[in-house]
Amino acid sequence: MDVQRLETFVTVARSNTLAEAADRLGYARSTVTSHLQGLERALGASLLERGRP
């Protein structure tokens, strides 16, 4: 399992939005999305409920 993807997931979980998490990590939002999708594929499960609140 990729530690960088886990760090991204933790930061997203602690943030209000993917954009906020990307800013905190210094990544593009697309990178955060890619990390999350890769982690979800590796685990075979959805980790976040997506969509607007």
C-alpha atoms as a PDB file:
ATOM      1  CA  MET A   1       0.000   0.000   0.000  1.00  0.00           C
ATOM      2  CA  ASP A   2       1.266   3.448  -0.941  1.00  0.00           C
ATOM      3  CA  VAL A   3       1.921   5.698   2.077  1.00  0.00           C
ATOM      4  CA  GLN A   4       1.499   8.827  -0.044  1.00  0.00           C
ATOM      5  CA  ARG A   5      -2.036   7.737  -0.971  1.00  0.00           C
ATOM      6  CA  LEU A   6      -2.828   7.068   2.677  1.00  0.00           C
ATOM      7  CA  GLU A   7      -1.557  10.531   3.646  1.00  0.00           C
ATOM      8  CA  THR A   8      -3.753  12.020   0.947  1.00  0.00           C
ATOM      9  CA  PHE A   9      -6.790  10.126   2.242  1.00  0.00           C
ATOM     10  CA  VAL A  10      -6.187  11.281   5.830  1.00  0.00           C
ATOM     11  CA  THR A  11      -5.823  14.892   4.686  1.00  0.00           C
ATOM     12  CA  VAL A  12      -9.033  14.663   2.635  1.00  0.00           C
ATOM     13  CA  ALA A  13     -10.860  13.178   5.627  1.00  0.00           C
ATOM     14  CA  ARG A  14      -9.705  16.115   7.764  1.00  0.00           C
ATOM     15  CA  SER A  15     -10.625  18.719   5.132  1.00  0.00           C
ATOM     16  CA  ASN A  16     -13.948  20.105   3.980  1.00  0.00           C
ATOM     17  CA  THR A  17     -13.254  19.626   0.276  1.00  0.00           C
ATOM     18  CA  LEU A  18     -10.842  17.939  -2.102  1.00  0.00           C
ATOM     19  CA  ALA A  19      -9.633  21.400  -3.138  1.00  0.00           C
ATOM     20  CA  GLU A  20      -8.802  22.247   0.484  1.00  0.00           C
ATOM     21  CA  ALA A  21      -6.926  18.970   0.880  1.00  0.00           C
ATOM     22  CA  ALA A  22      -5.013  19.640  -2.342  1.00  0.00           C
ATOM     23  CA  ASP A  23      -3.990  23.076  -1.057  1.00  0.00           C
ATOM     24  CA  ARG A  24      -2.829  21.623   2.261  1.00  0.00           C
ATOM     25  CA  LEU A  25      -0.778  18.952   0.478  1.00  0.00           C
ATOM     26  CA  GLY A  26       0.543  21.242  -2.254  1.00  0.00           C
ATOM     27  CA  TYR A  27      -0.965  19.004  -4.958  1.00  0.00           C
ATOM     28  CA  ALA A  28      -3.267  19.678  -7.856  1.00  0.00           C
ATOM     29  CA  ARG A  29      -6.837  18.569  -7.180  1.00  0.00           C
ATOM     30  CA  SER A  30      -6.486  15.996  -9.973  1.00  0.00           C
ATOM     31  CA  THR A  31      -3.557  14.438  -8.091  1.00  0.00           C
ATOM     32  CA  VAL A  32      -5.652  14.110  -4.936  1.00  0.00           C
ATOM     33  CA  THR A  33      -8.431  12.481  -6.958  1.00  0.00           C
ATOM     34  CA  SER A  34      -5.933  10.122  -8.581  1.00  0.00           C
ATOM     35  CA  HIS A  35      -4.487   9.120  -5.201  1.00  0.00           C
ATOM     36  CA  LEU A  36      -7.946   8.413  -3.812  1.00  0.00           C
ATOM     37  CA  GLN A  37      -9.002   6.385  -6.837  1.00  0.00           C
ATOM     38  CA  GLY A  38      -5.803   4.344  -6.690  1.00  0.00           C
ATOM     39  CA  LEU A  39      -6.313   3.626  -3.004  1.00  0.00           C
ATOM     40  CA  GLU A  40      -9.931   2.638  -3.633  1.00  0.00           C
ATOM     41  CA  ARG A  41      -8.861   0.282  -6.425  1.00  0.00           C
ATOM     42  CA  ALA A  42      -6.197  -1.275  -4.214  1.00  0.00           C
ATOM     43  CA  LEU A  43      -8.713  -1.830  -1.415  1.00  0.00           C
ATOM     44  CA  GLY A  44     -11.627  -2.758  -3.650  1.00  0.00           C
ATOM     45  CA  ALA A  45     -13.924  -0.344  -1.839  1.00  0.00           C
ATOM     46  CA  SER A  46     -15.261   3.187  -2.061  1.00  0.00           C
ATOM     47  CA  LEU A  47     -13.770   5.348   0.700  1.00  0.00           C
ATOM     48  CA  LEU A  48     -15.671   8.595   0.255  1.00  0.00           C
ATOM     49  CA  GLU A  49     -19.179   9.640  -0.592  1.00  0.00           C
ATOM     50  CA  ARG A  50     -18.797  11.959  -3.537  1.00  0.00           C
ATOM     51  CA  GLY A  51     -21.043  14.788  -4.537  1.00  0.00           C
ATOM     52  CA  ARG A  52     -22.137  18.100  -3.191  1.00  0.00           C
ATOM     53  CA  PRO A  53     -23.622  18.233   0.318  1.00  0.00           C
END
